[in-house]
N, C-alpha and C. Protein backbone atom coordinates (compact mmCIF):
# COMPACT_ATOMS: atom_id res chain seq x y z
N MET A 1 72.61 -33.70 3.96
CA MET A 1 73.96 -33.60 4.50
C MET A 1 74.54 -34.99 4.71
N THR A 2 75.77 -35.20 4.25
CA THR A 2 76.43 -36.49 4.42
C THR A 2 77.17 -36.51 5.75
N PRO A 3 76.88 -37.50 6.62
CA PRO A 3 77.56 -37.54 7.92
C PRO A 3 79.04 -37.87 7.74
N SER A 4 79.85 -37.45 8.68
CA SER A 4 81.27 -37.73 8.63
C SER A 4 81.53 -39.18 8.98
N ALA A 5 82.75 -39.64 8.64
CA ALA A 5 83.14 -41.01 8.97
C ALA A 5 83.09 -41.23 10.48
N HIS A 6 83.45 -40.21 11.25
CA HIS A 6 83.44 -40.34 12.71
C HIS A 6 82.01 -40.52 13.22
N THR A 7 81.07 -39.80 12.62
CA THR A 7 79.67 -39.93 13.04
C THR A 7 79.15 -41.33 12.75
N ILE A 8 79.48 -41.85 11.56
CA ILE A 8 79.03 -43.20 11.21
C ILE A 8 79.69 -44.24 12.12
N ALA A 9 80.95 -44.03 12.46
CA ALA A 9 81.62 -44.95 13.38
C ALA A 9 80.91 -44.97 14.74
N LEU A 10 80.53 -43.78 15.22
CA LEU A 10 79.80 -43.71 16.49
C LEU A 10 78.45 -44.40 16.38
N LEU A 11 77.79 -44.23 15.25
CA LEU A 11 76.50 -44.87 15.01
C LEU A 11 76.65 -46.39 15.05
N LEU A 12 77.67 -46.91 14.39
CA LEU A 12 77.87 -48.35 14.31
C LEU A 12 78.26 -48.93 15.67
N ALA A 13 78.89 -48.12 16.51
CA ALA A 13 79.30 -48.60 17.83
C ALA A 13 78.18 -48.50 18.87
N ASP A 14 77.05 -47.93 18.48
CA ASP A 14 75.94 -47.71 19.41
C ASP A 14 75.07 -48.97 19.46
N ALA A 15 74.88 -49.52 20.64
CA ALA A 15 74.08 -50.73 20.80
C ALA A 15 72.63 -50.53 20.39
N ARG A 16 72.19 -49.27 20.29
CA ARG A 16 70.80 -49.01 19.90
C ARG A 16 70.60 -49.06 18.39
N LEU A 17 71.67 -49.27 17.63
CA LEU A 17 71.57 -49.35 16.18
C LEU A 17 70.61 -50.48 15.80
N PRO A 18 69.61 -50.22 14.98
CA PRO A 18 68.62 -51.26 14.66
C PRO A 18 69.10 -52.27 13.61
N SER A 19 70.11 -53.05 13.99
CA SER A 19 70.59 -54.07 13.07
C SER A 19 70.69 -55.44 13.73
N GLY A 20 70.20 -55.58 14.97
CA GLY A 20 70.12 -56.89 15.59
C GLY A 20 71.22 -57.24 16.56
N GLY A 21 72.21 -56.37 16.73
CA GLY A 21 73.33 -56.69 17.61
C GLY A 21 72.92 -56.88 19.06
N TYR A 22 71.82 -56.26 19.46
CA TYR A 22 71.34 -56.39 20.84
C TYR A 22 70.90 -57.82 21.15
N ALA A 23 70.68 -58.63 20.12
CA ALA A 23 70.24 -60.01 20.32
C ALA A 23 71.38 -61.01 20.15
N PHE A 24 72.61 -60.51 20.12
CA PHE A 24 73.78 -61.35 19.88
C PHE A 24 74.68 -61.31 21.11
N SER A 25 75.16 -62.47 21.56
CA SER A 25 75.97 -62.51 22.79
C SER A 25 77.46 -62.68 22.52
N SER A 26 77.88 -62.65 21.25
CA SER A 26 79.29 -62.84 20.91
C SER A 26 79.85 -64.14 21.51
N GLY A 27 79.03 -65.17 21.51
CA GLY A 27 79.48 -66.47 22.00
C GLY A 27 79.43 -66.64 23.50
N LEU A 28 79.00 -65.59 24.23
CA LEU A 28 79.06 -65.68 25.69
C LEU A 28 77.96 -66.57 26.26
N GLU A 29 76.74 -66.46 25.76
CA GLU A 29 75.68 -67.32 26.29
C GLU A 29 76.01 -68.80 26.09
N PRO A 30 76.44 -69.23 24.90
CA PRO A 30 76.84 -70.63 24.76
C PRO A 30 77.95 -71.03 25.72
N ALA A 31 78.90 -70.11 25.96
CA ALA A 31 80.01 -70.42 26.86
C ALA A 31 79.52 -70.62 28.29
N LEU A 32 78.64 -69.74 28.75
CA LEU A 32 78.10 -69.87 30.10
C LEU A 32 77.27 -71.14 30.23
N GLN A 33 76.51 -71.47 29.21
CA GLN A 33 75.75 -72.71 29.23
C GLN A 33 76.66 -73.93 29.20
N GLY A 34 77.84 -73.74 28.61
CA GLY A 34 78.79 -74.85 28.50
C GLY A 34 79.67 -75.04 29.71
N GLY A 35 79.54 -74.16 30.71
CA GLY A 35 80.30 -74.35 31.94
C GLY A 35 81.23 -73.21 32.31
N LEU A 36 81.37 -72.20 31.46
CA LEU A 36 82.19 -71.04 31.82
C LEU A 36 81.59 -70.35 33.03
N THR A 37 82.43 -69.95 33.97
CA THR A 37 81.93 -69.25 35.16
C THR A 37 82.00 -67.74 34.94
N PRO A 38 81.18 -66.98 35.65
CA PRO A 38 81.24 -65.51 35.51
C PRO A 38 82.64 -64.95 35.76
N GLY A 39 83.39 -65.58 36.66
CA GLY A 39 84.74 -65.11 36.93
C GLY A 39 85.72 -65.33 35.80
N GLU A 40 85.35 -66.16 34.82
CA GLU A 40 86.21 -66.46 33.69
C GLU A 40 85.87 -65.66 32.44
N VAL A 41 84.87 -64.79 32.56
CA VAL A 41 84.41 -64.04 31.38
C VAL A 41 85.52 -63.16 30.81
N GLY A 42 86.31 -62.52 31.66
CA GLY A 42 87.40 -61.67 31.16
C GLY A 42 88.37 -62.46 30.31
N ALA A 43 88.76 -63.63 30.77
CA ALA A 43 89.68 -64.48 30.00
C ALA A 43 89.02 -64.94 28.71
N PHE A 44 87.73 -65.26 28.78
CA PHE A 44 87.00 -65.66 27.57
C PHE A 44 87.02 -64.54 26.52
N LEU A 45 86.75 -63.32 26.95
CA LEU A 45 86.72 -62.20 26.01
C LEU A 45 88.09 -61.94 25.39
N ARG A 46 89.14 -62.04 26.20
CA ARG A 46 90.48 -61.83 25.65
C ARG A 46 90.82 -62.91 24.64
N ALA A 47 90.41 -64.16 24.92
CA ALA A 47 90.66 -65.25 23.98
C ALA A 47 89.85 -65.05 22.70
N ARG A 48 88.59 -64.63 22.85
CA ARG A 48 87.76 -64.40 21.67
C ARG A 48 88.33 -63.25 20.83
N ALA A 49 88.79 -62.20 21.51
CA ALA A 49 89.35 -61.06 20.79
C ALA A 49 90.53 -61.47 19.91
N ARG A 50 91.32 -62.44 20.36
CA ARG A 50 92.50 -62.86 19.62
C ARG A 50 92.19 -63.92 18.55
N THR A 51 90.97 -64.41 18.53
CA THR A 51 90.63 -65.47 17.57
C THR A 51 89.47 -65.02 16.69
N THR A 52 88.26 -65.35 17.09
CA THR A 52 87.08 -65.05 16.28
C THR A 52 86.98 -63.57 15.92
N THR A 53 87.19 -62.70 16.91
CA THR A 53 87.04 -61.27 16.66
C THR A 53 88.12 -60.75 15.71
N MET A 54 89.32 -61.27 15.84
CA MET A 54 90.40 -60.85 14.96
C MET A 54 90.12 -61.25 13.51
N VAL A 55 89.56 -62.44 13.33
CA VAL A 55 89.18 -62.87 11.98
C VAL A 55 88.13 -61.92 11.41
N ASP A 56 87.13 -61.58 12.22
CA ASP A 56 86.08 -60.69 11.74
C ASP A 56 86.62 -59.29 11.44
N ALA A 57 87.48 -58.78 12.30
CA ALA A 57 88.05 -57.44 12.07
C ALA A 57 88.87 -57.41 10.78
N ALA A 58 89.67 -58.45 10.58
CA ALA A 58 90.47 -58.52 9.36
C ALA A 58 89.58 -58.64 8.13
N THR A 59 88.52 -59.42 8.25
CA THR A 59 87.58 -59.57 7.13
C THR A 59 86.94 -58.23 6.78
N ALA A 60 86.57 -57.46 7.79
CA ALA A 60 85.98 -56.15 7.54
C ALA A 60 86.97 -55.23 6.82
N VAL A 61 88.24 -55.29 7.21
CA VAL A 61 89.26 -54.47 6.57
C VAL A 61 89.43 -54.85 5.10
N VAL A 62 89.47 -56.14 4.84
CA VAL A 62 89.64 -56.60 3.45
C VAL A 62 88.40 -56.28 2.62
N ALA A 63 87.22 -56.41 3.22
CA ALA A 63 85.99 -56.04 2.51
C ALA A 63 85.98 -54.54 2.22
N ARG A 64 86.46 -53.75 3.17
CA ARG A 64 86.56 -52.30 2.94
C ARG A 64 87.45 -52.02 1.74
N ALA A 65 88.59 -52.69 1.66
CA ALA A 65 89.51 -52.49 0.54
C ALA A 65 88.84 -52.89 -0.78
N ALA A 66 88.09 -54.00 -0.76
CA ALA A 66 87.38 -54.42 -1.97
C ALA A 66 86.33 -53.39 -2.36
N GLY A 67 85.64 -52.84 -1.37
CA GLY A 67 84.63 -51.83 -1.66
C GLY A 67 85.22 -50.57 -2.27
N ILE A 68 86.37 -50.18 -1.78
CA ILE A 68 87.03 -48.98 -2.31
C ILE A 68 87.52 -49.22 -3.74
N ARG A 69 88.05 -50.43 -3.98
CA ARG A 69 88.56 -50.75 -5.32
C ARG A 69 87.46 -51.04 -6.33
N GLY A 70 86.27 -51.37 -5.83
CA GLY A 70 85.19 -51.76 -6.72
C GLY A 70 85.21 -53.24 -7.05
N ASP A 71 85.89 -54.04 -6.22
CA ASP A 71 85.98 -55.49 -6.44
C ASP A 71 84.77 -56.19 -5.84
N ALA A 72 84.58 -57.45 -6.24
CA ALA A 72 83.50 -58.26 -5.69
C ALA A 72 83.81 -58.64 -4.25
N TYR A 73 82.76 -58.78 -3.44
CA TYR A 73 82.92 -59.19 -2.05
C TYR A 73 82.95 -60.70 -1.88
N SER A 74 82.56 -61.45 -2.90
CA SER A 74 82.44 -62.90 -2.77
C SER A 74 83.73 -63.58 -2.30
N PRO A 75 84.90 -63.23 -2.84
CA PRO A 75 86.13 -63.88 -2.34
C PRO A 75 86.39 -63.60 -0.86
N VAL A 76 86.00 -62.42 -0.41
CA VAL A 76 86.18 -62.08 1.01
C VAL A 76 85.24 -62.93 1.86
N GLU A 77 84.00 -63.06 1.42
CA GLU A 77 83.03 -63.87 2.15
C GLU A 77 83.48 -65.33 2.22
N ARG A 78 84.00 -65.85 1.12
CA ARG A 78 84.46 -67.25 1.13
C ARG A 78 85.64 -67.43 2.07
N ALA A 79 86.54 -66.48 2.08
CA ALA A 79 87.69 -66.57 2.98
C ALA A 79 87.24 -66.52 4.44
N TRP A 80 86.29 -65.64 4.74
CA TRP A 80 85.75 -65.57 6.11
C TRP A 80 85.09 -66.89 6.49
N ALA A 81 84.28 -67.44 5.60
CA ALA A 81 83.57 -68.68 5.90
C ALA A 81 84.54 -69.84 6.14
N ALA A 82 85.63 -69.88 5.38
CA ALA A 82 86.63 -70.93 5.55
C ALA A 82 87.31 -70.84 6.91
N ARG A 83 87.33 -69.64 7.47
CA ARG A 83 87.97 -69.42 8.77
C ARG A 83 86.95 -69.40 9.92
N THR A 84 85.70 -69.70 9.59
CA THR A 84 84.63 -69.75 10.59
C THR A 84 83.95 -71.11 10.45
N PRO A 85 84.56 -72.16 10.98
CA PRO A 85 84.07 -73.52 10.73
C PRO A 85 82.71 -73.84 11.34
N SER A 86 82.30 -73.12 12.37
CA SER A 86 81.01 -73.40 13.00
C SER A 86 79.87 -72.89 12.12
N ARG A 87 79.01 -73.81 11.74
CA ARG A 87 77.84 -73.43 10.93
C ARG A 87 76.94 -72.47 11.70
N ALA A 88 76.78 -72.73 13.00
CA ALA A 88 75.94 -71.86 13.83
C ALA A 88 76.51 -70.45 13.89
N ALA A 89 77.83 -70.33 14.01
CA ALA A 89 78.46 -69.00 14.05
C ALA A 89 78.30 -68.29 12.72
N ARG A 90 78.43 -69.03 11.62
CA ARG A 90 78.25 -68.41 10.31
C ARG A 90 76.81 -67.92 10.15
N ARG A 91 75.86 -68.73 10.58
CA ARG A 91 74.45 -68.35 10.47
C ARG A 91 74.16 -67.09 11.28
N SER A 92 74.66 -67.03 12.49
CA SER A 92 74.42 -65.85 13.34
C SER A 92 75.01 -64.60 12.71
N SER A 93 76.23 -64.71 12.20
CA SER A 93 76.88 -63.55 11.59
C SER A 93 76.11 -63.07 10.37
N ARG A 94 75.60 -64.01 9.59
CA ARG A 94 74.86 -63.62 8.39
C ARG A 94 73.50 -63.03 8.73
N GLU A 95 72.90 -63.46 9.83
CA GLU A 95 71.67 -62.81 10.27
C GLU A 95 71.95 -61.36 10.65
N LEU A 96 73.04 -61.15 11.37
CA LEU A 96 73.43 -59.78 11.72
C LEU A 96 73.79 -58.99 10.47
N GLY A 97 74.43 -59.65 9.51
CA GLY A 97 74.78 -59.00 8.26
C GLY A 97 73.55 -58.53 7.50
N ARG A 98 72.50 -59.35 7.51
CA ARG A 98 71.27 -58.94 6.83
C ARG A 98 70.67 -57.70 7.49
N GLY A 99 70.71 -57.67 8.82
CA GLY A 99 70.18 -56.49 9.51
C GLY A 99 70.97 -55.24 9.19
N LEU A 100 72.29 -55.36 9.19
CA LEU A 100 73.14 -54.20 8.89
C LEU A 100 73.01 -53.79 7.43
N GLN A 101 72.89 -54.77 6.53
CA GLN A 101 72.73 -54.45 5.11
C GLN A 101 71.40 -53.73 4.87
N ARG A 102 70.36 -54.18 5.54
CA ARG A 102 69.06 -53.51 5.40
C ARG A 102 69.16 -52.05 5.84
N LEU A 103 69.84 -51.82 6.95
CA LEU A 103 70.03 -50.45 7.43
C LEU A 103 70.82 -49.63 6.41
N ALA A 104 71.94 -50.19 5.94
CA ALA A 104 72.79 -49.46 5.01
C ALA A 104 72.08 -49.17 3.70
N THR A 105 71.33 -50.14 3.21
CA THR A 105 70.63 -49.96 1.94
C THR A 105 69.57 -48.88 2.04
N ASN A 106 68.92 -48.80 3.20
CA ASN A 106 67.91 -47.76 3.37
C ASN A 106 68.52 -46.39 3.54
N LEU A 107 69.68 -46.32 4.21
CA LEU A 107 70.32 -45.02 4.43
C LEU A 107 71.04 -44.51 3.19
N TRP A 108 71.71 -45.43 2.46
CA TRP A 108 72.56 -45.02 1.34
C TRP A 108 72.27 -45.92 0.13
N PRO A 109 71.07 -45.83 -0.44
CA PRO A 109 70.67 -46.75 -1.51
C PRO A 109 71.47 -46.62 -2.80
N ALA A 110 72.12 -45.48 -3.02
CA ALA A 110 72.87 -45.29 -4.26
C ALA A 110 74.37 -45.45 -4.08
N SER A 111 74.82 -45.82 -2.90
CA SER A 111 76.25 -45.94 -2.63
C SER A 111 76.83 -47.16 -3.36
N PRO A 112 77.84 -46.99 -4.21
CA PRO A 112 78.41 -48.13 -4.93
C PRO A 112 78.89 -49.27 -4.03
N PRO A 113 79.61 -49.01 -2.92
CA PRO A 113 80.02 -50.14 -2.09
C PRO A 113 78.84 -50.90 -1.48
N ILE A 114 77.75 -50.21 -1.21
CA ILE A 114 76.57 -50.86 -0.64
C ILE A 114 75.79 -51.60 -1.72
N VAL A 115 75.65 -50.99 -2.87
CA VAL A 115 74.91 -51.61 -3.98
C VAL A 115 75.54 -52.92 -4.40
N ARG A 116 76.87 -53.02 -4.29
CA ARG A 116 77.56 -54.25 -4.71
C ARG A 116 77.34 -55.41 -3.75
N LEU A 117 76.64 -55.18 -2.65
CA LEU A 117 76.25 -56.29 -1.76
C LEU A 117 75.02 -56.97 -2.36
N ILE A 118 75.23 -57.61 -3.49
CA ILE A 118 74.14 -58.24 -4.22
C ILE A 118 73.58 -59.40 -3.39
N PRO A 119 72.25 -59.52 -3.26
CA PRO A 119 71.66 -60.59 -2.45
C PRO A 119 72.13 -61.97 -2.90
N THR A 120 72.44 -62.82 -1.93
CA THR A 120 72.86 -64.19 -2.20
C THR A 120 71.96 -65.14 -1.40
N VAL A 121 72.09 -66.42 -1.67
CA VAL A 121 71.27 -67.41 -0.97
C VAL A 121 71.52 -67.37 0.53
N ASP A 122 72.79 -67.36 0.93
CA ASP A 122 73.13 -67.38 2.35
C ASP A 122 73.17 -65.99 2.98
N GLY A 123 73.35 -64.97 2.16
CA GLY A 123 73.51 -63.62 2.69
C GLY A 123 74.98 -63.33 2.99
N TRP A 124 75.25 -62.09 3.40
CA TRP A 124 76.61 -61.66 3.69
C TRP A 124 76.86 -61.66 5.19
N SER A 125 78.05 -62.03 5.58
CA SER A 125 78.42 -61.98 6.99
C SER A 125 78.49 -60.52 7.45
N ARG A 126 78.35 -60.34 8.76
CA ARG A 126 78.40 -58.98 9.28
C ARG A 126 79.72 -58.27 8.98
N PRO A 127 80.90 -58.92 9.12
CA PRO A 127 82.13 -58.18 8.83
C PRO A 127 82.24 -57.72 7.39
N VAL A 128 81.70 -58.49 6.45
CA VAL A 128 81.74 -58.05 5.05
C VAL A 128 80.86 -56.82 4.86
N VAL A 129 79.66 -56.85 5.43
CA VAL A 129 78.78 -55.69 5.31
C VAL A 129 79.39 -54.48 6.03
N LEU A 130 79.98 -54.73 7.19
CA LEU A 130 80.63 -53.65 7.92
C LEU A 130 81.74 -53.03 7.10
N GLY A 131 82.51 -53.85 6.39
CA GLY A 131 83.56 -53.34 5.52
C GLY A 131 83.00 -52.50 4.38
N ALA A 132 81.86 -52.92 3.83
CA ALA A 132 81.23 -52.15 2.76
C ALA A 132 80.77 -50.79 3.27
N VAL A 133 80.21 -50.77 4.48
CA VAL A 133 79.78 -49.50 5.08
C VAL A 133 80.99 -48.59 5.32
N ALA A 134 82.08 -49.19 5.79
CA ALA A 134 83.30 -48.41 6.01
C ALA A 134 83.83 -47.81 4.71
N ALA A 135 83.74 -48.59 3.63
CA ALA A 135 84.18 -48.09 2.32
C ALA A 135 83.32 -46.91 1.89
N HIS A 136 82.03 -47.00 2.11
CA HIS A 136 81.13 -45.90 1.76
C HIS A 136 81.43 -44.66 2.61
N ALA A 137 81.65 -44.89 3.91
CA ALA A 137 81.76 -43.77 4.85
C ALA A 137 83.13 -43.11 4.83
N GLY A 138 84.12 -43.76 4.23
CA GLY A 138 85.48 -43.21 4.29
C GLY A 138 86.15 -43.46 5.62
N LEU A 139 85.69 -44.49 6.33
CA LEU A 139 86.27 -44.84 7.62
C LEU A 139 87.64 -45.48 7.40
N ASP A 140 88.67 -45.00 8.09
CA ASP A 140 90.00 -45.55 7.88
C ASP A 140 90.10 -46.95 8.48
N ALA A 141 91.09 -47.71 8.00
CA ALA A 141 91.19 -49.13 8.34
C ALA A 141 91.45 -49.36 9.82
N GLU A 142 92.28 -48.54 10.45
CA GLU A 142 92.57 -48.75 11.87
C GLU A 142 91.33 -48.49 12.72
N SER A 143 90.58 -47.46 12.39
CA SER A 143 89.34 -47.19 13.12
C SER A 143 88.36 -48.34 12.94
N LEU A 144 88.34 -48.93 11.75
CA LEU A 144 87.45 -50.06 11.48
C LEU A 144 87.83 -51.27 12.33
N VAL A 145 89.12 -51.54 12.46
CA VAL A 145 89.56 -52.66 13.31
C VAL A 145 89.08 -52.44 14.74
N ARG A 146 89.31 -51.26 15.26
CA ARG A 146 88.92 -50.97 16.64
C ARG A 146 87.40 -51.04 16.81
N LEU A 147 86.68 -50.58 15.80
CA LEU A 147 85.21 -50.64 15.85
C LEU A 147 84.74 -52.10 15.89
N ALA A 148 85.31 -52.95 15.04
CA ALA A 148 84.90 -54.36 14.98
C ALA A 148 85.17 -55.07 16.30
N VAL A 149 86.33 -54.77 16.89
CA VAL A 149 86.67 -55.40 18.17
C VAL A 149 85.75 -54.90 19.27
N TYR A 150 85.58 -53.59 19.34
CA TYR A 150 84.72 -53.02 20.38
C TYR A 150 83.30 -53.57 20.28
N ASP A 151 82.77 -53.62 19.07
CA ASP A 151 81.38 -54.06 18.89
C ASP A 151 81.18 -55.48 19.39
N ASP A 152 82.12 -56.36 19.09
CA ASP A 152 82.00 -57.76 19.52
C ASP A 152 82.09 -57.87 21.03
N MET A 153 83.02 -57.16 21.62
CA MET A 153 83.17 -57.20 23.08
C MET A 153 81.97 -56.57 23.78
N ALA A 154 81.46 -55.47 23.24
CA ALA A 154 80.33 -54.78 23.87
C ALA A 154 79.07 -55.63 23.81
N CYS A 155 78.87 -56.36 22.71
CA CYS A 155 77.71 -57.26 22.62
C CYS A 155 77.79 -58.33 23.71
N ALA A 156 78.98 -58.87 23.91
CA ALA A 156 79.15 -59.91 24.93
C ALA A 156 78.83 -59.38 26.32
N VAL A 157 79.34 -58.21 26.64
CA VAL A 157 79.14 -57.67 27.98
C VAL A 157 77.69 -57.24 28.19
N ALA A 158 77.05 -56.72 27.15
CA ALA A 158 75.63 -56.39 27.26
C ALA A 158 74.82 -57.65 27.57
N ALA A 159 75.18 -58.75 26.93
CA ALA A 159 74.50 -60.02 27.19
C ALA A 159 74.80 -60.49 28.61
N LEU A 160 76.04 -60.31 29.04
CA LEU A 160 76.44 -60.75 30.38
C LEU A 160 75.58 -60.11 31.46
N LEU A 161 75.27 -58.82 31.30
CA LEU A 161 74.49 -58.11 32.31
C LEU A 161 73.06 -58.63 32.40
N LYS A 162 72.61 -59.33 31.37
CA LYS A 162 71.28 -59.96 31.41
C LYS A 162 71.37 -61.39 31.93
N LEU A 163 72.44 -62.08 31.54
CA LEU A 163 72.59 -63.49 31.92
C LEU A 163 73.09 -63.65 33.35
N GLU A 164 74.00 -62.78 33.76
CA GLU A 164 74.58 -62.81 35.11
C GLU A 164 74.62 -61.38 35.62
N PRO A 165 73.49 -60.84 36.07
CA PRO A 165 73.42 -59.42 36.45
C PRO A 165 74.49 -59.03 37.47
N GLY A 166 75.08 -57.88 37.23
CA GLY A 166 76.11 -57.36 38.12
C GLY A 166 76.26 -55.87 37.93
N ASP A 167 77.34 -55.32 38.43
CA ASP A 167 77.60 -53.88 38.32
C ASP A 167 78.02 -53.55 36.89
N PRO A 168 77.28 -52.68 36.19
CA PRO A 168 77.65 -52.32 34.81
C PRO A 168 79.07 -51.77 34.69
N ILE A 169 79.58 -51.16 35.75
CA ILE A 169 80.94 -50.63 35.70
C ILE A 169 81.94 -51.76 35.48
N ASP A 170 81.68 -52.90 36.10
CA ASP A 170 82.56 -54.05 35.88
C ASP A 170 82.52 -54.50 34.43
N GLY A 171 81.34 -54.37 33.81
CA GLY A 171 81.22 -54.71 32.39
C GLY A 171 82.03 -53.78 31.52
N VAL A 172 82.01 -52.49 31.84
CA VAL A 172 82.81 -51.52 31.09
C VAL A 172 84.29 -51.88 31.19
N ARG A 173 84.72 -52.27 32.37
CA ARG A 173 86.12 -52.64 32.57
C ARG A 173 86.49 -53.86 31.71
N LEU A 174 85.58 -54.81 31.60
CA LEU A 174 85.83 -56.00 30.78
C LEU A 174 86.02 -55.62 29.31
N VAL A 175 85.17 -54.72 28.82
CA VAL A 175 85.28 -54.28 27.43
C VAL A 175 86.62 -53.58 27.19
N ILE A 176 86.98 -52.67 28.08
CA ILE A 176 88.24 -51.93 27.93
C ILE A 176 89.43 -52.87 27.94
N ASP A 177 89.45 -53.81 28.88
CA ASP A 177 90.57 -54.74 28.99
C ASP A 177 90.68 -55.63 27.75
N ALA A 178 89.54 -56.13 27.26
CA ALA A 178 89.56 -57.01 26.10
C ALA A 178 90.03 -56.27 24.85
N CYS A 179 89.54 -55.06 24.66
CA CYS A 179 89.96 -54.27 23.49
C CYS A 179 91.45 -53.94 23.58
N ALA A 180 91.91 -53.57 24.77
CA ALA A 180 93.32 -53.23 24.94
C ALA A 180 94.23 -54.43 24.69
N SER A 181 93.72 -55.63 24.96
CA SER A 181 94.56 -56.82 24.83
C SER A 181 94.96 -57.12 23.39
N VAL A 182 94.23 -56.56 22.42
CA VAL A 182 94.56 -56.83 21.01
C VAL A 182 94.91 -55.55 20.25
N ASP A 183 95.00 -54.43 20.94
CA ASP A 183 95.25 -53.17 20.23
C ASP A 183 96.60 -53.16 19.52
N THR A 184 97.55 -53.94 20.01
CA THR A 184 98.87 -53.97 19.35
C THR A 184 98.79 -54.59 17.95
N PHE A 185 97.71 -55.30 17.65
CA PHE A 185 97.55 -55.91 16.33
C PHE A 185 96.85 -54.99 15.33
N THR A 186 96.39 -53.83 15.79
CA THR A 186 95.56 -52.98 14.96
C THR A 186 96.25 -52.58 13.66
N THR A 187 97.46 -52.09 13.74
CA THR A 187 98.17 -51.63 12.55
C THR A 187 98.39 -52.78 11.57
N GLN A 188 98.74 -53.93 12.08
CA GLN A 188 98.97 -55.10 11.23
C GLN A 188 97.69 -55.51 10.50
N LEU A 189 96.58 -55.56 11.21
CA LEU A 189 95.31 -55.94 10.59
C LEU A 189 94.84 -54.88 9.60
N ALA A 190 95.07 -53.62 9.93
CA ALA A 190 94.63 -52.54 9.06
C ALA A 190 95.34 -52.52 7.71
N ALA A 191 96.48 -53.16 7.63
CA ALA A 191 97.26 -53.17 6.39
C ALA A 191 96.83 -54.27 5.43
N LEU A 192 95.95 -55.15 5.85
CA LEU A 192 95.55 -56.28 5.00
C LEU A 192 94.72 -55.80 3.82
N ALA A 193 94.90 -56.46 2.67
CA ALA A 193 94.17 -56.02 1.48
C ALA A 193 93.60 -57.18 0.65
N SER A 194 93.99 -58.42 0.96
CA SER A 194 93.52 -59.55 0.15
C SER A 194 92.88 -60.61 1.03
N PRO A 195 91.91 -61.36 0.50
CA PRO A 195 91.25 -62.40 1.30
C PRO A 195 92.22 -63.43 1.86
N GLU A 196 93.27 -63.73 1.10
CA GLU A 196 94.24 -64.74 1.55
C GLU A 196 94.99 -64.30 2.80
N ALA A 197 95.05 -63.01 3.03
CA ALA A 197 95.80 -62.48 4.18
C ALA A 197 95.02 -62.50 5.48
N ILE A 198 93.73 -62.78 5.42
CA ILE A 198 92.92 -62.82 6.65
C ILE A 198 93.45 -63.93 7.55
N PRO A 199 93.74 -63.64 8.81
CA PRO A 199 94.29 -64.68 9.70
C PRO A 199 93.27 -65.79 9.95
N ALA A 200 93.78 -66.98 10.23
CA ALA A 200 92.92 -68.13 10.53
C ALA A 200 93.15 -68.54 11.97
N ALA A 201 92.60 -67.77 12.88
CA ALA A 201 92.77 -68.03 14.31
C ALA A 201 91.51 -68.71 14.82
N SER A 202 91.60 -69.99 15.11
CA SER A 202 90.41 -70.75 15.46
C SER A 202 90.16 -70.77 16.96
N ALA A 203 88.91 -71.07 17.32
CA ALA A 203 88.50 -71.18 18.72
C ALA A 203 87.60 -72.42 18.84
N PRO A 204 88.19 -73.61 18.80
CA PRO A 204 87.40 -74.86 18.74
C PRO A 204 86.37 -75.00 19.86
N GLN A 205 86.75 -74.66 21.09
CA GLN A 205 85.79 -74.81 22.19
C GLN A 205 84.58 -73.90 22.01
N SER A 206 84.82 -72.66 21.63
CA SER A 206 83.71 -71.73 21.40
C SER A 206 82.82 -72.20 20.26
N GLU A 207 83.46 -72.77 19.22
CA GLU A 207 82.68 -73.28 18.09
C GLU A 207 81.80 -74.44 18.52
N LEU A 208 82.33 -75.32 19.36
CA LEU A 208 81.53 -76.43 19.87
C LEU A 208 80.37 -75.93 20.72
N TRP A 209 80.63 -74.95 21.58
CA TRP A 209 79.57 -74.37 22.39
C TRP A 209 78.49 -73.75 21.50
N ALA A 210 78.90 -73.08 20.43
CA ALA A 210 77.94 -72.44 19.53
C ALA A 210 77.06 -73.48 18.85
N GLU A 211 77.65 -74.59 18.45
CA GLU A 211 76.86 -75.65 17.79
C GLU A 211 75.85 -76.25 18.77
N THR A 212 76.27 -76.47 20.01
CA THR A 212 75.36 -77.01 21.01
C THR A 212 74.24 -76.02 21.32
N HIS A 213 74.61 -74.76 21.41
CA HIS A 213 73.66 -73.68 21.71
C HIS A 213 72.57 -73.60 20.65
N ALA A 214 72.93 -73.85 19.39
CA ALA A 214 71.98 -73.74 18.29
C ALA A 214 70.88 -74.80 18.37
N LEU A 215 71.12 -75.86 19.13
CA LEU A 215 70.16 -76.97 19.21
C LEU A 215 69.23 -76.87 20.42
N THR A 216 69.46 -75.91 21.29
CA THR A 216 68.63 -75.79 22.48
C THR A 216 67.57 -74.72 22.29
N ASN A 217 66.41 -74.92 22.90
CA ASN A 217 65.38 -73.88 22.85
C ASN A 217 65.39 -73.03 24.12
N ARG A 218 66.41 -73.21 24.94
CA ARG A 218 66.56 -72.42 26.17
C ARG A 218 67.69 -71.42 25.97
N ARG A 219 67.44 -70.44 25.15
CA ARG A 219 68.46 -69.43 24.89
C ARG A 219 67.78 -68.07 24.71
N LEU A 220 68.49 -67.05 25.11
CA LEU A 220 68.00 -65.68 24.96
C LEU A 220 68.62 -64.98 23.78
N PHE A 221 69.83 -65.41 23.37
CA PHE A 221 70.60 -64.71 22.36
C PHE A 221 70.98 -65.66 21.23
N ARG A 222 71.38 -65.04 20.11
CA ARG A 222 72.06 -65.80 19.09
C ARG A 222 73.44 -66.15 19.63
N ALA A 223 74.10 -67.11 19.00
CA ALA A 223 75.45 -67.47 19.45
C ALA A 223 76.33 -66.23 19.45
C-alpha cells in the first residue's frame, strides 16, 4: 500500500524519523555558545525562519519541481550552496541529507525522483532530498514550505530543551510563533520553480557562530 502525501508529511515532521534530525540544533547551540541568552531564543528563531530556513524551504520547493519534471537536481544544489556561505552549515545539511536519502532509498528504491539523487562527492543537502521526497509523495508545494519551516524550528526547540531545560510548553509556543512569523511568505515560496528564484537571505552572525562551533569539541549537536 502506498501511503498518502499527508501520511508522508506527518512522517517527515516526526522527530523520531531515523534521518539524524534529532542531532541537529538548527544553529541554536552555536548561538547559545556565542552569547545568545535563553530569553532571546524566540527572536533568534524568527530571524532564522526569515533567512536560513526560508532559503531551505525555497530550495526544497524548487527541488520538488525538478523532481516532478524529471530534471537534474545539481543546479538546485549549486544554487542552495551559493546561498549558504558557511561551510559548516553546508556540511551539516549534507549530513542530514545523507540520512534522509538513505531512508528514502530504502523505502522507495524504484521511485524516479529518488533514484535521480545520484551519489556525489559532497552529497545532497537536506532541502534537495526533501524536495525529491515531496515529488515522489505528491506533497503540494505549500505543505512542503510549511513542513520545511516547522522541521527547522522544531529541531531548534528540541535542542533548546536539552541545552537550557525548561517547560516544554514554552518550547511549543516558540515553534508556533516562529512558524507563524513567516506563514505570509508560503504562497510566494510555493510558486518558485527555478534555482535562480531561490531567495538569498543571509544570516552572517549565525554563519560565524556555526563556523566557530565546528572547531570546538564541546558540542552536543551539529550546527
